[in-house]
Amino acid sequence: MRGFISGFCLLLGIWIHGQKLVVGIVVDQMCYDYLQRFDDNFENGGFNRFLKNGVNCKNTQYNYVPTYTGPGHASIYTGTTPSNHGIVANDWYDRKLHKTQYCVLDTNVTGVDQANKYGMSSPHFLTTTTISDQLKMTYPASKVISLSIKDRSAVLPGGHLSDGSYWFDFQSGTFITSTYYQQKLPEWVREFNLHHAADSYLSDWNLLLPINRYSRTQDNSPYERSFGGKKSAVFPYTQEEIGRGNYPQFVVTPFANTQLTDFATTAIVQEALGKRDATDLLCISYSTPDIAGHEFGPYSLEIEDIYLRLNQELEKLFKTLDREVGKKNYTVFLTADHAVVPVPQQLVDSKLPGGYLNVDSIVKALNSQWKTKYGEGLVEKTKNLNVYFKRDRIAALGLTLSELQHEAAQVLREHPLVRVAVCAHDLDEGKFQGTLEQMLANGYTKERSGDVLFLLKPGLISSSEDTDEAHRGTTHGSGYNYDTHVPLLWYGGRLKAQEIYRPIAITDIAATLVYLLELQRPASMTGNPIVELWEK
């Protein structure tokens, strides 16, 4: 054992030596199987840099529910689950304020150079430290830069001490930050915005390759939502249909990935990342695959084309790193904040388990039952399959909160389309069993989660409408493998090409970065290092 530890430390020291930059790439809503389904059309660079010359952790899973963007990014960079870092969803219901709270909204800050709602963001709801915070505390000379289209995907990876977290402004089509970080944009960001606003990237979106080269060749699918006034989701999507200045539609297209890559390569050069004595950290999150994925689903030509084009963006990024930092002087990891369920209607039509459930109808029935029994309905809000009670009314009526929680959980369990339901009292007491129940516990906090948490059966999503349009597109958030199984790839430094098949939790990424960056483990970290990365 002592010999193993000595050998591990020696290899670790060799790997760390000379590492000037670590780059974290998160692809929003990337299923693990995309690496196999699309790889016939990946060129030698991009994803194949990882697959042929890096480490492929093939059994990487999320270990909590719900699998959303905010919790995913927070978990990757804190090395722990929402039960510790507090980001239990993209937004949750605030009992005290009686309103929905967005995970990075901060009304005490404003946008820099853009006084609009898109700039009011900070990490103040993040209740623990990130690996990026730990890097800044330990080595103040290190730089942390975090970039994304979505504000939450830039804010949460960068942590509390980021030197610069920047995200897309849907009003101007440029990149912004908030006064939490700085009072004015760096000159290089202003210069980039001047010459590289979204409209400068706008073009007709057609297939990158001939259609017979794709794994799916049906373009006019009944499971996809269209946009730009088109009657159906078919190629091409012209500039006129996407719309100049229509930035919510622009970010559905692969051109938003290109803009973000150019912003990242500019940041590498202008911030001189990887060119100082201390190691720097660059966090990049590609949001477009998620925004488009909700519209088109994972088995669409649009999603496949986005990934073939993203492959080119990754190669562009690698070439910049090779040139500016040096091939042996950086390490890159790539993962996803969650995956996605296939379009439920597509599952149903394929005779597979799936479908839709109006969750509000269950809660309405429960409230009706309680109105008869207690004189009034006692459910205040349902959010993210969390049921929030009117706790003030429960106390006023002299009722016992835990008993009502158990009663509601039992009602939910009896519904034929509900897989599991757990009440907050049992989560607080540690009285639960089963894998899905443990995942719910990992995603729960008593301050922000509901009184009852539940999951639907596989292939089901919540929908309040029963129309053809409502049955197009898809979502994510469950504890099933289609949402939890994501890629995890490493490349660079002195890493040896290998495939790892053992189970790895998403929280293990930051725990591995602890040793790459020579840091103390962040405050609430629960993950474990991926020791195979240092094996001969």
Protein backbone atom coordinates (compact mmCIF):
# COMPACT_ATOMS: atom_id res chain seq x y z
CA MET A 1 0.00 0.00 0.00
CA ARG A 2 2.81 2.40 0.89
CA GLY A 3 4.44 1.65 -2.47
CA PHE A 4 1.20 2.41 -4.31
CA ILE A 5 0.84 5.75 -2.53
CA SER A 6 4.45 6.67 -3.29
CA GLY A 7 4.01 5.75 -6.94
CA PHE A 8 0.74 7.69 -7.13
CA CYS A 9 2.37 10.79 -5.64
CA LEU A 10 5.30 10.53 -8.05
CA LEU A 11 3.02 10.25 -11.09
CA LEU A 12 0.85 13.04 -9.75
CA GLY A 13 3.87 15.31 -9.40
CA ILE A 14 5.02 14.52 -12.94
CA TRP A 15 1.55 15.29 -14.33
CA ILE A 16 1.08 18.52 -12.42
CA HIS A 17 4.49 19.87 -13.36
CA GLY A 18 4.18 22.19 -16.33
CA GLN A 19 0.36 22.43 -16.32
CA LYS A 20 -0.37 26.11 -16.93
CA LEU A 21 -4.05 25.97 -17.79
CA VAL A 22 -7.03 23.75 -17.02
CA VAL A 23 -10.06 24.09 -19.30
CA GLY A 24 -13.47 22.80 -18.23
CA ILE A 25 -16.02 22.33 -21.02
CA VAL A 26 -19.65 21.61 -20.21
CA VAL A 27 -21.97 20.76 -23.08
CA ASP A 28 -25.50 21.50 -21.97
CA GLN A 29 -27.78 18.46 -22.52
CA MET A 30 -25.30 16.00 -24.02
CA CYS A 31 -26.25 12.32 -23.98
CA TYR A 32 -23.42 9.83 -23.59
CA ASP A 33 -24.36 7.93 -26.76
CA TYR A 34 -23.80 10.98 -29.01
CA LEU A 35 -20.10 10.11 -28.94
CA GLN A 36 -20.84 6.78 -30.61
CA ARG A 37 -23.83 7.74 -32.79
CA PHE A 38 -22.12 10.69 -34.43
CA ASP A 39 -18.45 9.63 -34.44
CA ASP A 40 -18.39 8.44 -38.08
CA ASN A 41 -18.55 12.11 -39.03
CA PHE A 42 -16.20 13.49 -36.39
CA GLU A 43 -12.94 14.62 -37.92
CA ASN A 44 -9.55 13.88 -36.37
CA GLY A 45 -9.76 16.92 -34.13
CA GLY A 46 -12.48 17.96 -31.72
CA PHE A 47 -14.15 15.05 -29.98
CA ASN A 48 -11.65 12.60 -31.48
CA ARG A 49 -8.79 14.34 -29.66
CA PHE A 50 -10.44 13.08 -26.50
CA LEU A 51 -11.57 9.71 -27.85
CA LYS A 52 -8.28 8.71 -29.50
CA ASN A 53 -5.69 10.38 -27.27
CA GLY A 54 -7.42 11.04 -23.97
CA VAL A 55 -9.34 9.37 -21.16
CA ASN A 56 -12.96 8.32 -21.68
CA CYS A 57 -14.86 7.76 -18.42
CA LYS A 58 -17.68 5.76 -19.97
CA ASN A 59 -19.82 5.18 -16.89
CA THR A 60 -20.24 8.71 -15.50
CA GLN A 61 -23.56 9.41 -13.81
CA TYR A 62 -25.41 12.13 -11.95
CA ASN A 63 -26.15 11.01 -8.41
CA TYR A 64 -29.06 13.31 -7.52
CA VAL A 65 -32.39 14.65 -8.74
CA PRO A 66 -33.29 17.01 -10.39
CA THR A 67 -30.93 16.92 -13.37
CA TYR A 68 -31.13 20.55 -14.49
CA THR A 69 -28.59 23.08 -15.77
CA GLY A 70 -28.06 25.08 -12.57
CA PRO A 71 -27.55 22.09 -10.25
CA GLY A 72 -25.40 20.37 -12.88
CA HIS A 73 -22.91 23.19 -13.24
CA ALA A 74 -22.80 23.75 -9.48
CA SER A 75 -22.18 20.04 -8.81
CA ILE A 76 -19.42 19.76 -11.42
CA TYR A 77 -17.45 22.61 -9.89
CA THR A 78 -18.19 22.12 -6.17
CA GLY A 79 -17.72 18.36 -6.20
CA THR A 80 -20.88 17.86 -4.18
CA THR A 81 -24.66 17.58 -4.62
CA PRO A 82 -27.45 20.18 -4.25
CA SER A 83 -28.03 19.03 -0.67
CA ASN A 84 -24.73 20.77 0.11
CA HIS A 85 -24.32 23.51 -2.51
CA GLY A 86 -27.95 24.67 -2.36
CA ILE A 87 -28.70 24.99 -6.08
CA VAL A 88 -31.66 22.59 -6.00
CA ALA A 89 -33.00 23.59 -9.42
CA ASN A 90 -32.80 26.34 -12.03
CA ASP A 91 -35.48 28.01 -9.94
CA TRP A 92 -37.41 27.02 -6.85
CA TYR A 93 -40.31 28.30 -4.77
CA ASP A 94 -39.38 30.68 -1.96
CA ARG A 95 -41.76 30.05 0.94
CA LYS A 96 -40.96 33.29 2.73
CA LEU A 97 -41.37 35.52 -0.33
CA HIS A 98 -44.18 33.41 -1.86
CA LYS A 99 -42.61 33.55 -5.30
CA THR A 100 -40.31 31.60 -7.61
CA GLN A 101 -36.59 32.32 -7.12
CA TYR A 102 -34.07 32.01 -9.97
CA CYS A 103 -30.79 30.35 -9.02
CA VAL A 104 -28.46 33.24 -9.97
CA LEU A 105 -30.80 36.23 -9.79
CA ASP A 106 -29.35 39.00 -7.62
CA THR A 107 -31.43 42.16 -7.40
CA ASN A 108 -28.54 43.93 -5.64
CA VAL A 109 -26.42 43.98 -8.79
CA THR A 110 -26.90 45.30 -12.31
CA GLY A 111 -25.50 44.56 -15.71
CA VAL A 112 -22.25 46.25 -16.64
CA ASP A 113 -22.70 48.50 -19.68
CA GLN A 114 -26.19 46.99 -20.17
CA ALA A 115 -28.81 48.09 -17.65
CA ASN A 116 -31.32 45.30 -18.22
CA LYS A 117 -32.60 42.15 -16.50
CA TYR A 118 -30.01 39.91 -18.18
CA GLY A 119 -27.21 41.42 -16.08
CA MET A 120 -28.73 40.90 -12.61
CA SER A 121 -26.78 37.73 -11.83
CA SER A 122 -24.33 36.50 -9.20
CA PRO A 123 -23.45 33.31 -7.25
CA HIS A 124 -24.97 34.54 -3.97
CA PHE A 125 -27.37 31.54 -3.74
CA LEU A 126 -24.43 29.11 -3.98
CA THR A 127 -23.92 28.05 -0.37
CA THR A 128 -20.46 26.46 -0.60
CA THR A 129 -17.14 26.98 -2.37
CA THR A 130 -16.22 25.79 -5.84
CA ILE A 131 -12.94 24.40 -7.11
CA SER A 132 -12.49 27.79 -8.80
CA ASP A 133 -12.92 29.56 -5.44
CA GLN A 134 -10.38 27.22 -3.87
CA LEU A 135 -7.91 27.95 -6.67
CA LYS A 136 -8.22 31.71 -6.14
CA MET A 137 -7.93 31.43 -2.36
CA THR A 138 -4.82 29.24 -2.60
CA TYR A 139 -3.06 30.90 -5.51
CA PRO A 140 -4.27 34.52 -5.89
CA ALA A 141 -2.12 34.95 -9.00
CA SER A 142 -4.22 32.33 -10.82
CA LYS A 143 -6.94 33.57 -13.13
CA VAL A 144 -10.45 32.13 -13.33
CA ILE A 145 -12.50 33.04 -16.41
CA SER A 146 -15.98 31.57 -17.02
CA LEU A 147 -18.03 31.93 -20.24
CA SER A 148 -21.41 30.77 -21.50
CA ILE A 149 -24.61 31.75 -23.28
CA LYS A 150 -26.70 31.14 -20.14
CA ASP A 151 -25.90 33.29 -17.12
CA ARG A 152 -26.20 30.40 -14.65
CA SER A 153 -23.74 28.36 -16.74
CA ALA A 154 -21.14 31.11 -16.45
CA VAL A 155 -21.84 32.26 -12.89
CA LEU A 156 -21.85 28.93 -11.04
CA PRO A 157 -18.62 27.44 -12.52
CA GLY A 158 -16.75 30.70 -11.95
CA GLY A 159 -17.79 30.68 -8.30
CA HIS A 160 -17.62 33.59 -5.89
CA LEU A 161 -14.09 34.76 -6.75
CA SER A 162 -14.07 34.65 -10.55
CA ASP A 163 -11.85 37.16 -12.33
CA GLY A 164 -14.46 37.38 -15.05
CA SER A 165 -17.78 35.57 -15.64
CA TYR A 166 -19.50 36.54 -18.88
CA TRP A 167 -22.75 35.49 -20.50
CA PHE A 168 -24.98 36.35 -23.46
CA ASP A 169 -27.21 39.40 -23.37
CA PHE A 170 -30.46 38.53 -25.16
CA GLN A 171 -31.15 42.24 -25.68
CA SER A 172 -27.93 43.27 -27.45
CA GLY A 173 -26.55 39.96 -28.76
CA THR A 174 -23.23 40.57 -26.97
CA PHE A 175 -21.52 39.27 -23.82
CA ILE A 176 -22.05 40.97 -20.47
CA THR A 177 -21.29 40.62 -16.78
CA SER A 178 -22.68 42.14 -13.59
CA THR A 179 -21.46 44.62 -11.02
CA TYR A 180 -20.90 41.69 -8.65
CA TYR A 181 -17.65 41.08 -10.56
CA GLN A 182 -16.54 44.45 -11.90
CA GLN A 183 -17.73 47.96 -12.64
CA LYS A 184 -16.85 48.01 -16.33
CA LEU A 185 -16.14 45.48 -19.02
CA PRO A 186 -12.49 44.85 -19.87
CA GLU A 187 -11.45 46.59 -23.06
CA TRP A 188 -10.96 43.28 -24.86
CA VAL A 189 -14.57 42.27 -24.13
CA ARG A 190 -15.84 45.63 -25.40
CA GLU A 191 -13.74 45.23 -28.51
CA PHE A 192 -15.04 41.70 -29.07
CA ASN A 193 -18.65 42.86 -28.66
CA LEU A 194 -18.08 45.66 -31.13
CA HIS A 195 -16.94 43.33 -33.92
CA HIS A 196 -18.46 39.98 -32.93
CA ALA A 197 -22.07 40.62 -31.93
CA ALA A 198 -24.54 37.84 -32.70
CA ASP A 199 -25.81 39.37 -35.94
CA SER A 200 -22.32 39.13 -37.44
CA TYR A 201 -22.57 35.31 -37.16
CA LEU A 202 -26.06 35.00 -38.58
CA SER A 203 -26.25 32.86 -41.71
CA ASP A 204 -28.49 30.28 -43.36
CA TRP A 205 -28.42 27.07 -41.34
CA ASN A 206 -28.25 24.08 -43.64
CA LEU A 207 -26.85 20.62 -43.10
CA LEU A 208 -23.07 20.52 -42.82
CA LEU A 209 -22.88 17.23 -44.77
CA PRO A 210 -25.05 15.44 -47.34
CA ILE A 211 -28.13 14.06 -45.58
CA ASN A 212 -27.21 10.42 -46.31
CA ARG A 213 -24.13 10.84 -44.09
CA TYR A 214 -26.26 11.35 -40.96
CA SER A 215 -27.40 8.63 -38.56
CA ARG A 216 -31.01 9.81 -39.11
CA THR A 217 -32.20 10.87 -42.54
CA GLN A 218 -35.78 11.94 -41.77
CA ASP A 219 -35.95 15.72 -41.71
CA ASN A 220 -39.68 16.41 -41.42
CA SER A 221 -40.26 14.72 -38.05
CA PRO A 222 -43.58 15.01 -36.18
CA TYR A 223 -41.72 15.17 -32.85
CA GLU A 224 -39.94 18.50 -33.35
CA ARG A 225 -41.04 22.06 -32.68
CA SER A 226 -40.40 24.58 -35.40
CA PHE A 227 -39.36 28.21 -35.08
CA GLY A 228 -39.02 31.31 -37.19
CA GLY A 229 -42.58 31.08 -38.43
CA LYS A 230 -41.88 27.84 -40.33
CA LYS A 231 -44.73 25.34 -40.54
CA SER A 232 -42.37 22.42 -39.91
CA ALA A 233 -38.86 21.92 -38.55
CA VAL A 234 -36.99 21.28 -41.80
CA PHE A 235 -33.72 22.49 -43.29
CA PRO A 236 -32.69 25.04 -44.32
CA TYR A 237 -33.35 27.67 -41.65
CA THR A 238 -32.70 30.89 -43.50
CA GLN A 239 -31.37 34.13 -42.06
CA GLU A 240 -34.77 35.67 -42.63
CA GLU A 241 -36.51 32.88 -40.70
CA ILE A 242 -34.06 33.03 -37.80
CA GLY A 243 -34.34 36.80 -37.77
CA ARG A 244 -31.72 39.52 -37.37
CA GLY A 245 -31.87 40.77 -33.79
CA ASN A 246 -34.07 37.84 -32.73
CA TYR A 247 -31.56 36.51 -30.22
CA PRO A 248 -33.80 33.91 -28.52
CA GLN A 249 -33.96 32.22 -31.94
CA PHE A 250 -30.28 32.87 -32.72
CA VAL A 251 -29.16 30.80 -29.70
CA VAL A 252 -31.08 27.78 -31.04
CA THR A 253 -28.66 27.69 -33.97
CA PRO A 254 -25.05 26.41 -34.08
CA PHE A 255 -23.87 29.95 -34.80
CA ALA A 256 -24.18 30.74 -31.09
CA ASN A 257 -21.61 27.99 -30.42
CA THR A 258 -19.28 29.65 -32.92
CA GLN A 259 -19.66 33.04 -31.25
CA LEU A 260 -18.91 31.49 -27.86
CA THR A 261 -15.84 29.65 -29.16
CA ASP A 262 -14.47 32.85 -30.66
CA PHE A 263 -15.09 34.58 -27.34
CA ALA A 264 -13.22 31.80 -25.51
CA THR A 265 -10.23 31.85 -27.87
CA THR A 266 -10.10 35.64 -27.54
CA ALA A 267 -10.15 35.30 -23.74
CA ILE A 268 -7.21 32.86 -23.85
CA VAL A 269 -5.15 35.38 -25.79
CA GLN A 270 -6.26 38.62 -24.14
CA GLU A 271 -6.17 37.32 -20.55
CA ALA A 272 -2.83 35.57 -21.27
CA LEU A 273 -4.22 32.36 -19.79
CA GLY A 274 -1.60 29.70 -19.19
CA LYS A 275 1.24 32.21 -19.29
CA ARG A 276 1.94 32.84 -15.62
CA ASP A 277 3.62 30.97 -12.79
CA ALA A 278 0.27 29.93 -11.29
CA THR A 279 -2.19 27.62 -13.09
CA ASP A 280 -5.26 29.29 -14.62
CA LEU A 281 -8.79 27.91 -15.03
CA LEU A 282 -11.06 28.55 -18.03
CA CYS A 283 -14.69 27.39 -17.79
CA ILE A 284 -16.72 27.17 -21.02
CA SER A 285 -20.32 26.03 -21.23
CA TYR A 286 -22.04 25.47 -24.58
CA SER A 287 -25.75 26.18 -24.03
CA THR A 288 -27.11 25.83 -27.56
CA PRO A 289 -27.30 21.99 -27.55
CA ASP A 290 -29.77 22.25 -24.67
CA ILE A 291 -31.79 25.11 -26.11
CA ALA A 292 -32.08 23.25 -29.42
CA GLY A 293 -32.49 19.88 -27.73
CA HIS A 294 -35.69 20.98 -26.01
CA GLU A 295 -37.11 21.96 -29.40
CA PHE A 296 -35.96 19.08 -31.60
CA GLY A 297 -35.21 16.10 -29.33
CA PRO A 298 -32.14 13.81 -29.28
CA TYR A 299 -32.99 11.87 -32.46
CA SER A 300 -33.25 14.87 -34.78
CA LEU A 301 -31.10 15.95 -37.72
CA GLU A 302 -30.81 19.36 -36.09
CA ILE A 303 -29.13 18.00 -32.96
CA GLU A 304 -26.78 15.78 -34.93
CA ASP A 305 -25.77 18.71 -37.14
CA ILE A 306 -25.17 20.89 -34.08
CA TYR A 307 -22.77 18.30 -32.70
CA LEU A 308 -20.90 17.89 -35.97
CA ARG A 309 -20.42 21.65 -36.03
CA LEU A 310 -19.53 21.70 -32.31
CA ASN A 311 -16.80 19.18 -33.16
CA GLN A 312 -15.28 21.84 -35.42
CA GLU A 313 -15.53 24.44 -32.65
CA LEU A 314 -13.67 22.15 -30.27
CA GLU A 315 -10.89 21.68 -32.80
CA LYS A 316 -10.63 25.45 -33.18
CA LEU A 317 -10.31 25.72 -29.39
CA PHE A 318 -7.65 22.97 -29.28
CA LYS A 319 -5.58 24.69 -31.96
CA THR A 320 -5.64 27.93 -29.98
CA LEU A 321 -4.53 26.08 -26.84
CA ASP A 322 -1.73 24.30 -28.76
CA ARG A 323 -0.48 27.60 -30.13
CA GLU A 324 -0.90 29.86 -27.11
CA VAL A 325 -0.23 27.49 -24.18
CA GLY A 326 1.62 24.52 -25.65
CA LYS A 327 0.41 20.95 -26.16
CA LYS A 328 1.91 19.62 -22.94
CA ASN A 329 0.98 22.60 -20.79
CA TYR A 330 -2.80 22.30 -20.53
CA THR A 331 -5.45 19.79 -19.53
CA VAL A 332 -9.06 19.81 -20.75
CA PHE A 333 -12.09 17.95 -19.45
CA LEU A 334 -15.48 17.77 -21.17
CA THR A 335 -18.76 16.68 -19.64
CA ALA A 336 -22.45 17.60 -19.59
CA ASP A 337 -24.74 19.11 -16.97
CA HIS A 338 -27.41 16.49 -17.78
CA ALA A 339 -28.69 14.48 -20.73
CA VAL A 340 -32.33 14.24 -21.93
CA VAL A 341 -35.35 11.95 -22.32
CA PRO A 342 -36.34 11.06 -25.89
CA VAL A 343 -39.49 12.88 -27.00
CA PRO A 344 -42.18 11.00 -25.01
CA GLN A 345 -44.59 10.92 -27.97
CA GLN A 346 -41.86 9.28 -30.02
CA LEU A 347 -41.50 6.66 -27.29
CA VAL A 348 -45.25 6.04 -27.25
CA ASP A 349 -45.43 5.73 -31.03
CA SER A 350 -42.51 3.27 -30.89
CA LYS A 351 -44.42 1.14 -28.34
CA LEU A 352 -41.97 2.07 -25.58
CA PRO A 353 -42.81 3.26 -22.05
CA GLY A 354 -43.46 6.99 -21.99
CA GLY A 355 -46.08 9.68 -22.16
CA TYR A 356 -47.41 12.78 -20.44
CA LEU A 357 -49.01 13.54 -17.10
CA ASN A 358 -50.72 16.72 -15.97
CA VAL A 359 -49.12 17.01 -12.54
CA ASP A 360 -51.40 19.91 -11.65
CA SER A 361 -54.38 17.56 -11.87
CA ILE A 362 -52.93 15.36 -9.10
CA VAL A 363 -52.35 18.35 -6.85
CA LYS A 364 -55.82 19.70 -7.62
CA ALA A 365 -57.34 16.38 -6.55
CA LEU A 366 -55.27 16.41 -3.35
CA ASN A 367 -56.39 19.95 -2.54
CA SER A 368 -59.99 18.97 -3.17
CA GLN A 369 -59.63 16.00 -0.82
CA TRP A 370 -58.12 18.21 1.88
CA LYS A 371 -60.79 20.87 1.42
CA THR A 372 -63.38 18.26 2.32
CA LYS A 373 -61.31 16.90 5.19
CA TYR A 374 -59.77 20.09 6.67
CA GLY A 375 -61.94 22.87 5.25
CA GLU A 376 -59.41 24.23 2.74
CA GLY A 377 -56.76 23.23 0.26
CA LEU A 378 -53.29 23.22 1.80
CA VAL A 379 -51.02 23.02 -1.26
CA GLU A 380 -49.54 26.40 -2.14
CA LYS A 381 -47.32 25.58 -5.14
CA THR A 382 -45.94 22.76 -7.26
CA LYS A 383 -42.51 23.31 -8.82
CA ASN A 384 -40.01 20.82 -10.27
CA LEU A 385 -42.14 17.91 -8.96
CA ASN A 386 -41.86 19.46 -5.48
CA VAL A 387 -45.11 20.09 -3.61
CA TYR A 388 -45.02 23.12 -1.29
CA PHE A 389 -47.62 23.38 1.50
CA LYS A 390 -49.29 26.41 3.06
CA ARG A 391 -47.36 25.97 6.27
CA ASP A 392 -48.81 29.05 7.96
CA ARG A 393 -52.35 27.72 7.42
CA ILE A 394 -51.36 24.25 8.62
CA ALA A 395 -50.05 25.77 11.86
CA ALA A 396 -53.15 27.96 12.25
CA LEU A 397 -55.43 24.94 11.88
CA GLY A 398 -53.45 23.04 14.51
CA LEU A 399 -52.48 20.30 12.05
CA THR A 400 -49.20 18.38 12.11
CA LEU A 401 -46.93 19.17 9.15
CA SER A 402 -45.17 15.79 9.08
CA GLU A 403 -48.48 13.90 9.08
CA LEU A 404 -49.75 15.91 6.12
CA GLN A 405 -46.47 15.33 4.30
CA HIS A 406 -46.82 11.58 4.78
CA GLU A 407 -50.46 11.70 3.70
CA ALA A 408 -49.66 13.61 0.51
CA ALA A 409 -46.71 11.34 -0.31
CA GLN A 410 -48.98 8.30 0.01
CA VAL A 411 -51.57 9.86 -2.31
CA LEU A 412 -48.84 10.49 -4.90
CA ARG A 413 -47.42 6.96 -4.58
CA GLU A 414 -50.85 5.52 -5.32
CA HIS A 415 -51.04 7.30 -8.68
CA PRO A 416 -50.33 4.77 -11.45
CA LEU A 417 -47.86 7.07 -13.26
CA VAL A 418 -45.82 8.10 -10.19
CA ARG A 419 -42.69 6.03 -9.52
CA VAL A 420 -41.68 7.31 -6.09
CA ALA A 421 -42.66 10.02 -3.59
CA VAL A 422 -40.73 11.06 -0.47
CA CYS A 423 -41.75 13.59 2.17
CA ALA A 424 -39.43 16.24 3.61
CA HIS A 425 -39.82 14.87 7.15
CA ASP A 426 -38.35 11.50 6.11
CA LEU A 427 -35.53 13.19 4.20
CA ASP A 428 -34.70 15.34 7.24
CA GLU A 429 -34.69 12.24 9.45
CA GLY A 430 -32.77 10.09 6.98
CA LYS A 431 -35.71 7.67 6.81
CA PHE A 432 -35.69 6.54 3.20
CA GLN A 433 -34.45 3.65 1.12
CA GLY A 434 -33.87 2.88 -2.52
CA THR A 435 -31.67 4.40 -5.23
CA LEU A 436 -34.17 6.98 -6.46
CA GLU A 437 -35.00 8.02 -2.89
CA GLN A 438 -31.28 8.56 -2.22
CA MET A 439 -31.01 10.67 -5.38
CA LEU A 440 -33.94 12.79 -4.19
CA ALA A 441 -32.22 13.18 -0.83
CA ASN A 442 -29.01 14.30 -2.56
CA GLY A 443 -30.98 17.00 -4.36
CA TYR A 444 -32.91 18.21 -1.31
CA THR A 445 -32.48 21.09 1.13
CA LYS A 446 -35.04 21.89 3.81
CA GLU A 447 -34.90 25.61 3.00
CA ARG A 448 -35.54 25.42 -0.77
CA SER A 449 -37.16 22.07 -1.55
CA GLY A 450 -40.82 21.14 -1.19
CA ASP A 451 -42.75 19.24 1.48
CA VAL A 452 -43.08 16.27 -0.85
CA LEU A 453 -40.74 15.34 -3.72
CA PHE A 454 -41.74 12.81 -6.37
CA LEU A 455 -40.70 11.27 -9.69
CA LEU A 456 -42.80 10.07 -12.60
CA LYS A 457 -42.31 6.68 -14.19
CA PRO A 458 -39.70 6.32 -16.99
CA GLY A 459 -40.36 8.15 -20.23
CA LEU A 460 -42.98 10.45 -18.72
CA ILE A 461 -42.84 14.23 -18.49
CA SER A 462 -45.25 16.73 -17.01
CA SER A 463 -47.52 18.51 -19.48
CA SER A 464 -50.62 20.60 -18.83
CA GLU A 465 -51.89 20.31 -22.42
CA ASP A 466 -52.92 17.34 -24.54
CA THR A 467 -52.23 18.68 -28.03
CA ASP A 468 -49.96 17.76 -30.93
CA GLU A 469 -47.86 20.86 -30.30
CA ALA A 470 -47.48 20.03 -26.59
CA HIS A 471 -46.24 16.57 -27.59
CA ARG A 472 -43.34 17.94 -29.60
CA GLY A 473 -39.90 18.55 -28.09
CA THR A 474 -38.72 17.21 -24.76
CA THR A 475 -37.09 17.98 -21.42
CA HIS A 476 -34.99 16.47 -18.61
CA GLY A 477 -34.74 16.42 -14.83
CA SER A 478 -35.33 12.82 -13.72
CA GLY A 479 -33.08 10.25 -12.06
CA TYR A 480 -33.22 7.82 -14.97
CA ASN A 481 -30.22 6.93 -17.10
CA TYR A 482 -31.41 8.91 -20.12
CA ASP A 483 -30.98 12.04 -17.93
CA THR A 484 -28.05 10.99 -15.73
CA HIS A 485 -25.59 9.18 -18.04
CA VAL A 486 -23.26 11.78 -19.55
CA PRO A 487 -19.82 11.89 -21.22
CA LEU A 488 -16.69 12.63 -19.24
CA LEU A 489 -13.54 13.05 -21.33
CA TRP A 490 -10.03 14.21 -20.40
CA TYR A 491 -7.18 15.27 -22.68
CA GLY A 492 -3.78 16.90 -22.40
CA GLY A 493 -0.78 17.06 -20.15
CA ARG A 494 0.74 13.63 -19.83
CA LEU A 495 -2.52 11.68 -19.78
CA LYS A 496 -2.42 8.21 -21.27
CA ALA A 497 -5.22 7.20 -23.65
CA GLN A 498 -7.58 4.81 -21.86
CA GLU A 499 -11.21 3.90 -21.24
CA ILE A 500 -12.59 3.64 -17.71
CA TYR A 501 -15.72 1.56 -17.17
CA ARG A 502 -16.21 1.68 -13.41
CA PRO A 503 -18.96 3.95 -12.01
CA ILE A 504 -17.90 7.59 -11.65
CA ALA A 505 -20.09 10.27 -10.07
CA ILE A 506 -20.30 13.76 -11.51
CA THR A 507 -18.99 15.03 -8.17
CA ASP A 508 -15.69 13.21 -8.84
CA ILE A 509 -14.61 15.78 -11.44
CA ALA A 510 -13.80 18.56 -8.97
CA ALA A 511 -12.31 15.99 -6.60
CA THR A 512 -9.89 15.07 -9.38
CA LEU A 513 -9.10 18.71 -10.10
CA VAL A 514 -8.07 19.11 -6.46
CA TYR A 515 -4.93 17.06 -7.17
CA LEU A 516 -4.33 18.47 -10.63
CA LEU A 517 -4.37 22.01 -9.19
CA GLU A 518 -2.66 21.09 -5.88
CA LEU A 519 -5.49 22.38 -3.67
CA GLN A 520 -7.25 21.71 -0.41
CA ARG A 521 -10.61 20.03 -1.00
CA PRO A 522 -13.38 22.69 -1.13
CA ALA A 523 -15.61 22.99 1.91
CA SER A 524 -18.46 20.60 1.11
CA MET A 525 -16.83 18.31 -1.46
CA THR A 526 -18.06 14.71 -1.35
CA GLY A 527 -16.56 13.35 -4.60
CA ASN A 528 -13.52 11.10 -4.97
CA PRO A 529 -10.56 11.52 -7.37
CA ILE A 530 -10.40 9.43 -10.53
CA VAL A 531 -7.09 7.79 -9.67
CA GLU A 532 -6.82 5.94 -12.99
CA LEU A 533 -5.81 9.21 -14.62
CA TRP A 534 -2.41 8.93 -12.92
CA GLU A 535 -1.80 5.22 -13.48
CA LYS A 536 0.99 4.09 -15.80
